[in-house]
Amino acid sequence: MINFYYSDEYFNHDTGSHPESIERIKVVKELLFKEYASHNFIEPSYATKELISNVHDINYIDNIFENIPTSGFNYFDPDTIASPSSLKSYLSAVGGSVDAVDHSRDSQKDKNVYFCAHRPPGHHAEKNKAMGFGIFNNIAVSAQYANTKKNYSKILIVDFDVHHGNGTQHMFESNPNVFYASSHQFPFYPGTGDISETGNGNIFNCPLPSGCDSILFRKLFTENILEKINHNFDLLYFSAGFDAHKLDPLASINLEDDDFKWVTEVIIKKYAVNIPIISVLEGGYDMNGLYNGLNNHLKVLQKYSDE
């Protein structure tokens, strides 16, 4: 059984005619309640400023709170929008990602699986900067909390969003306890993610050329991530973006539905031996690509949780 952190609150984060729109969460909700209605659904809590400040500067956090508009839109960067009712979505996205850590520690099962169906995404958000549709780095706050507060001593984050998670990498590149592995189109937004960026020996980037197909993706992912990371972990995260799908309008990678099943399977097979898995939604801006890619990812998570 998958534990889903989801809230209708995400319908209130209005971004207007923007790729990271309310339509995305409509599609995600449709999938979850059509195919996974028998699973466990949990309302995420609201993260506190103190919790968020484990990875973000408090002055930055205060600035976000103080600049939520009373009407219309406010732009924290050219791509990152706030509407009057956005703040609770920001806080739910962080809060639910951290709730999964607490739940995993309280559970009697070793193989608990969590999917955080949140918006906005967060892997571009830096310590003191909103970027790429994201305000707070949901997965980074969660992983930092897991490492420092809940005694998960060795953590792996695997990011298969088509854009490199610059924020996540920068927050952990000096932390030997948190490994970050990313496959992404390169060179492309946000400009980071070269294979030479290795952090403290804990960063593993897998750049993909424009037009990359399934065969090349699997080859490069195997060479640059699977064959290079040979450690045991006690918590696995996915930064689960589906914008590397061939239908996605924001990038030029040509993955098929089945590639999201493959990448989830190979990571779990090698690194998830009786440990919790927390998957956090990132990008995906074609609605069919998002629906089908996510469904393939969740099918594998369900299988792991049921074994």
Protein backbone atom coordinates (compact mmCIF):
# COMPACT_ATOMS: atom_id res chain seq x y z
CA MET A 1 0.00 0.00 0.00
CA ILE A 2 1.22 3.49 -0.88
CA ASN A 3 0.75 6.33 1.58
CA PHE A 4 -0.31 9.36 -0.44
CA TYR A 5 0.16 12.88 0.91
CA TYR A 6 -2.36 14.94 -1.03
CA SER A 7 -4.61 17.94 -0.41
CA ASP A 8 -7.24 19.80 -2.41
CA GLU A 9 -5.44 22.88 -1.08
CA TYR A 10 -3.24 22.65 -4.19
CA PHE A 11 -6.19 23.80 -6.31
CA ASN A 12 -5.93 27.19 -4.58
CA HIS A 13 -2.41 27.93 -5.82
CA ASP A 14 -3.51 29.89 -8.88
CA THR A 15 -0.79 30.58 -11.46
CA GLY A 16 -3.03 31.64 -14.33
CA SER A 17 -1.95 30.57 -17.82
CA HIS A 18 1.32 29.04 -16.69
CA PRO A 19 2.83 25.57 -17.31
CA GLU A 20 2.74 24.79 -13.57
CA SER A 21 -1.01 25.20 -13.44
CA ILE A 22 -3.99 23.87 -11.53
CA GLU A 23 -4.56 21.49 -14.47
CA ARG A 24 -1.56 19.46 -13.31
CA ILE A 25 -3.02 18.64 -9.93
CA LYS A 26 -6.39 17.86 -11.55
CA VAL A 27 -4.67 15.19 -13.64
CA VAL A 28 -2.77 13.83 -10.65
CA LYS A 29 -5.93 13.66 -8.54
CA GLU A 30 -7.80 11.91 -11.35
CA LEU A 31 -5.09 9.24 -11.54
CA LEU A 32 -4.82 8.72 -7.78
CA PHE A 33 -8.53 8.39 -7.17
CA LYS A 34 -9.13 6.26 -10.25
CA GLU A 35 -6.29 3.76 -9.92
CA TYR A 36 -5.16 4.01 -6.28
CA ALA A 37 -8.31 4.84 -4.31
CA SER A 38 -7.82 1.83 -2.02
CA HIS A 39 -4.49 3.15 -0.78
CA ASN A 40 -3.86 5.34 2.26
CA PHE A 41 -4.52 9.08 1.77
CA ILE A 42 -3.17 11.54 4.33
CA GLU A 43 -3.75 15.29 4.55
CA PRO A 44 -0.37 17.03 4.76
CA SER A 45 0.39 19.34 7.65
CA TYR A 46 1.53 22.94 7.22
CA ALA A 47 5.28 23.40 7.63
CA THR A 48 6.46 25.99 10.14
CA LYS A 49 9.03 28.67 9.43
CA GLU A 50 11.36 26.89 11.85
CA LEU A 51 11.12 23.65 9.87
CA ILE A 52 11.70 25.37 6.53
CA SER A 53 14.70 27.22 7.98
CA ASN A 54 16.58 23.91 8.25
CA VAL A 55 17.62 24.55 4.64
CA HIS A 56 16.36 28.06 3.75
CA ASP A 57 17.52 31.40 5.16
CA ILE A 58 14.99 32.81 7.62
CA ASN A 59 15.15 36.24 5.95
CA TYR A 60 14.19 34.62 2.67
CA ILE A 61 11.31 32.76 4.33
CA ASP A 62 10.06 35.96 5.94
CA ASN A 63 10.23 37.72 2.58
CA ILE A 64 8.01 35.05 0.99
CA PHE A 65 5.43 35.33 3.76
CA GLU A 66 5.42 39.13 3.55
CA ASN A 67 5.04 39.25 -0.24
CA ILE A 68 2.05 37.01 -0.84
CA PRO A 69 -0.23 39.36 -2.82
CA THR A 70 -3.64 40.43 -1.59
CA SER A 71 -4.86 40.41 -5.21
CA GLY A 72 -3.46 39.49 -8.60
CA PHE A 73 -0.05 37.87 -8.88
CA ASN A 74 3.40 38.45 -7.44
CA TYR A 75 6.50 37.14 -9.20
CA PHE A 76 9.34 35.89 -7.01
CA ASP A 77 11.29 35.30 -10.22
CA PRO A 78 10.14 35.49 -13.86
CA ASP A 79 8.83 31.91 -13.71
CA THR A 80 7.66 31.65 -10.12
CA ILE A 81 4.26 33.06 -9.23
CA ALA A 82 2.28 33.66 -6.05
CA SER A 83 -1.45 34.34 -5.85
CA PRO A 84 -3.36 35.41 -2.70
CA SER A 85 -4.06 31.81 -1.68
CA SER A 86 -0.70 30.25 -2.62
CA LEU A 87 0.99 30.22 0.78
CA LYS A 88 -0.88 27.23 2.18
CA SER A 89 0.12 25.20 -0.89
CA TYR A 90 3.77 26.10 -0.30
CA LEU A 91 3.51 25.07 3.34
CA SER A 92 1.56 21.87 2.60
CA ALA A 93 4.11 20.77 0.01
CA VAL A 94 6.92 21.06 2.56
CA GLY A 95 4.85 19.78 5.46
CA GLY A 96 3.66 16.64 3.70
CA SER A 97 7.19 15.81 2.56
CA VAL A 98 8.35 15.96 6.18
CA ASP A 99 5.26 14.14 7.49
CA ALA A 100 6.34 11.15 5.41
CA VAL A 101 9.60 10.98 7.37
CA ASP A 102 7.78 11.00 10.70
CA HIS A 103 5.33 8.37 9.49
CA SER A 104 8.18 6.16 8.27
CA ARG A 105 9.83 6.28 11.70
CA ASP A 106 6.57 5.56 13.52
CA SER A 107 5.64 2.65 11.25
CA GLN A 108 6.37 -0.95 12.10
CA LYS A 109 7.10 -1.75 8.46
CA ASP A 110 10.58 -1.48 6.92
CA LYS A 111 9.30 -0.96 3.38
CA ASN A 112 6.82 1.87 3.75
CA VAL A 113 6.25 3.83 0.55
CA TYR A 114 5.12 7.46 0.33
CA PHE A 115 4.12 9.58 -2.61
CA CYS A 116 3.85 13.31 -2.02
CA ALA A 117 1.42 14.64 -4.62
CA HIS A 118 2.33 18.27 -4.11
CA ARG A 119 2.57 21.51 -6.01
CA PRO A 120 4.45 23.65 -6.65
CA PRO A 121 7.59 21.59 -7.32
CA GLY A 122 10.68 22.53 -5.37
CA HIS A 123 14.00 21.12 -6.59
CA HIS A 124 15.13 24.41 -8.17
CA ALA A 125 14.55 26.47 -5.02
CA GLU A 126 17.86 27.61 -3.55
CA LYS A 127 18.66 28.48 0.05
CA ASN A 128 17.62 32.10 -0.46
CA LYS A 129 16.07 32.19 -3.92
CA ALA A 130 12.83 31.08 -5.59
CA MET A 131 13.43 29.44 -8.98
CA GLY A 132 11.78 27.34 -11.63
CA PHE A 133 8.19 27.50 -10.31
CA GLY A 134 9.32 26.57 -6.77
CA ILE A 135 9.41 28.60 -3.55
CA PHE A 136 10.67 26.10 -0.99
CA ASN A 137 12.69 22.97 -1.71
CA ASN A 138 10.27 20.31 -0.52
CA ILE A 139 12.57 17.32 -0.84
CA ALA A 140 15.60 19.12 0.61
CA VAL A 141 13.73 20.17 3.74
CA SER A 142 12.49 16.60 4.13
CA ALA A 143 15.88 14.96 3.59
CA GLN A 144 17.64 17.37 5.93
CA TYR A 145 15.03 16.65 8.60
CA ALA A 146 15.41 12.90 8.06
CA ASN A 147 19.19 13.12 8.38
CA THR A 148 19.49 15.47 11.36
CA LYS A 149 16.28 14.87 13.33
CA LYS A 150 15.28 11.28 12.60
CA ASN A 151 18.65 9.52 12.39
CA TYR A 152 18.54 8.42 8.77
CA SER A 153 22.30 8.34 8.39
CA LYS A 154 22.71 7.63 4.67
CA ILE A 155 20.15 9.01 2.20
CA LEU A 156 19.90 8.78 -1.59
CA ILE A 157 17.90 11.27 -3.67
CA VAL A 158 17.32 10.25 -7.30
CA ASP A 159 15.99 13.05 -9.52
CA PHE A 160 14.71 12.09 -12.99
CA ASP A 161 13.00 15.40 -13.74
CA VAL A 162 14.18 16.75 -17.12
CA HIS A 163 15.65 19.82 -15.39
CA HIS A 164 18.60 19.57 -13.06
CA GLY A 165 17.73 20.10 -9.40
CA ASN A 166 20.23 22.85 -8.76
CA GLY A 167 18.75 23.75 -5.38
CA THR A 168 18.88 20.20 -4.05
CA GLN A 169 22.43 19.70 -5.28
CA HIS A 170 23.68 22.93 -3.75
CA MET A 171 22.07 22.21 -0.38
CA PHE A 172 23.73 18.80 -0.05
CA GLU A 173 26.95 18.96 -2.05
CA SER A 174 29.00 19.29 1.16
CA ASN A 175 26.99 16.72 3.14
CA PRO A 176 28.55 13.24 2.86
CA ASN A 177 25.41 11.65 4.33
CA VAL A 178 23.07 12.72 1.52
CA PHE A 179 23.76 11.54 -2.04
CA TYR A 180 22.12 13.30 -4.98
CA ALA A 181 21.84 11.68 -8.43
CA SER A 182 20.18 13.45 -11.36
CA SER A 183 19.46 12.68 -15.01
CA HIS A 184 18.51 15.80 -16.98
CA GLN A 185 18.74 17.53 -20.34
CA PHE A 186 22.05 19.39 -20.58
CA PRO A 187 22.89 22.09 -21.45
CA PHE A 188 19.47 23.39 -20.51
CA TYR A 189 17.70 25.25 -17.71
CA PRO A 190 18.96 25.96 -15.05
CA GLY A 191 22.49 25.55 -16.49
CA THR A 192 23.86 23.35 -13.73
CA GLY A 193 24.34 19.59 -13.66
CA ASP A 194 27.56 19.01 -15.58
CA ILE A 195 29.09 15.60 -15.05
CA SER A 196 32.12 17.28 -13.46
CA GLU A 197 30.01 18.54 -10.53
CA THR A 198 30.68 15.88 -7.91
CA GLY A 199 30.32 17.74 -4.60
CA ASN A 200 31.91 15.86 -1.72
CA GLY A 201 31.89 12.65 -3.75
CA ASN A 202 28.14 12.50 -3.19
CA ILE A 203 26.86 14.18 -6.38
CA PHE A 204 26.26 12.10 -9.52
CA ASN A 205 25.02 13.93 -12.60
CA CYS A 206 23.86 12.25 -15.78
CA PRO A 207 23.56 14.87 -18.54
CA LEU A 208 21.29 13.91 -21.44
CA PRO A 209 21.64 15.45 -24.91
CA SER A 210 18.69 17.10 -26.64
CA GLY A 211 16.69 14.46 -28.49
CA CYS A 212 17.81 11.65 -26.18
CA ASP A 213 15.68 8.53 -26.66
CA SER A 214 14.96 5.55 -24.42
CA ILE A 215 17.98 3.52 -25.48
CA LEU A 216 20.48 6.31 -24.89
CA PHE A 217 18.78 7.36 -21.65
CA ARG A 218 19.06 3.88 -20.18
CA LYS A 219 22.68 3.56 -21.29
CA LEU A 220 23.73 6.90 -19.80
CA PHE A 221 21.74 6.42 -16.62
CA THR A 222 23.35 3.03 -16.08
CA GLU A 223 26.88 4.34 -16.70
CA ASN A 224 26.64 7.56 -14.71
CA ILE A 225 24.43 6.58 -11.80
CA LEU A 226 23.86 2.84 -11.36
CA GLU A 227 27.47 1.82 -11.99
CA LYS A 228 28.97 4.69 -9.99
CA ILE A 229 26.94 4.61 -6.77
CA ASN A 230 27.79 1.55 -4.72
CA HIS A 231 26.61 2.32 -1.20
CA ASN A 232 23.94 1.10 1.15
CA PHE A 233 21.25 3.60 2.13
CA ASP A 234 18.60 3.66 4.80
CA LEU A 235 16.20 6.06 3.05
CA LEU A 236 15.50 6.57 -0.65
CA TYR A 237 13.89 9.62 -2.23
CA PHE A 238 12.68 10.19 -5.76
CA SER A 239 12.43 13.70 -7.15
CA ALA A 240 9.78 12.48 -9.55
CA GLY A 241 9.39 14.75 -12.57
CA PHE A 242 7.75 13.56 -15.78
CA ASP A 243 8.82 16.33 -18.14
CA ALA A 244 11.43 14.12 -19.84
CA HIS A 245 8.43 12.49 -21.54
CA LYS A 246 8.47 12.78 -25.34
CA LEU A 247 5.19 14.74 -25.26
CA ASP A 248 6.36 17.42 -22.84
CA PRO A 249 6.48 20.94 -24.31
CA LEU A 250 9.18 22.37 -22.01
CA ALA A 251 12.08 20.11 -22.99
CA SER A 252 13.53 17.95 -25.76
CA ILE A 253 14.00 14.50 -24.24
CA ASN A 254 12.04 11.65 -25.77
CA LEU A 255 11.28 9.18 -23.01
CA GLU A 256 8.40 6.72 -23.32
CA ASP A 257 5.89 5.81 -20.62
CA ASP A 258 7.81 2.62 -19.86
CA ASP A 259 11.05 4.50 -19.14
CA PHE A 260 9.56 5.83 -15.91
CA LYS A 261 8.79 2.26 -14.88
CA TRP A 262 12.33 1.19 -15.79
CA VAL A 263 14.13 3.97 -13.89
CA THR A 264 12.02 3.36 -10.79
CA GLU A 265 12.62 -0.40 -10.93
CA VAL A 266 16.38 -0.27 -11.38
CA ILE A 267 16.86 2.23 -8.56
CA ILE A 268 14.68 0.26 -6.16
CA LYS A 269 16.31 -3.04 -7.11
CA LYS A 270 19.81 -1.78 -6.38
CA TYR A 271 19.31 0.62 -3.48
CA ALA A 272 16.00 -0.08 -1.72
CA VAL A 273 16.54 -3.21 0.34
CA ASN A 274 13.87 -3.09 3.04
CA ILE A 275 14.03 0.68 3.46
CA PRO A 276 11.38 3.43 3.20
CA ILE A 277 10.85 5.25 -0.09
CA ILE A 278 9.57 8.81 -0.29
CA SER A 279 8.72 10.07 -3.78
CA VAL A 280 7.99 13.77 -4.24
CA LEU A 281 6.30 15.17 -7.36
CA GLU A 282 8.33 17.63 -9.39
CA GLY A 283 7.62 18.58 -13.05
CA GLY A 284 5.54 17.24 -15.92
CA TYR A 285 3.67 19.67 -18.16
CA ASP A 286 1.97 17.55 -20.81
CA MET A 287 -1.12 16.10 -19.20
CA ASN A 288 -0.95 12.72 -20.95
CA GLY A 289 2.76 12.43 -20.29
CA LEU A 290 2.23 13.32 -16.65
CA TYR A 291 -0.65 10.87 -16.19
CA ASN A 292 1.03 7.91 -17.88
CA GLY A 293 4.54 8.56 -16.59
CA LEU A 294 3.32 8.93 -13.02
CA ASN A 295 1.15 5.84 -13.30
CA ASN A 296 4.15 3.76 -14.38
CA HIS A 297 6.20 5.13 -11.47
CA LEU A 298 3.42 4.38 -8.97
CA LYS A 299 2.89 0.84 -10.23
CA VAL A 300 6.47 0.02 -9.28
CA LEU A 301 6.16 1.72 -5.88
CA GLN A 302 2.99 -0.29 -5.24
CA LYS A 303 4.73 -3.55 -6.12
CA TYR A 304 7.62 -2.78 -3.77
CA SER A 305 5.29 -1.90 -0.90
CA ASP A 306 3.29 -5.11 -1.37
CA GLU A 307 6.24 -7.51 -1.51
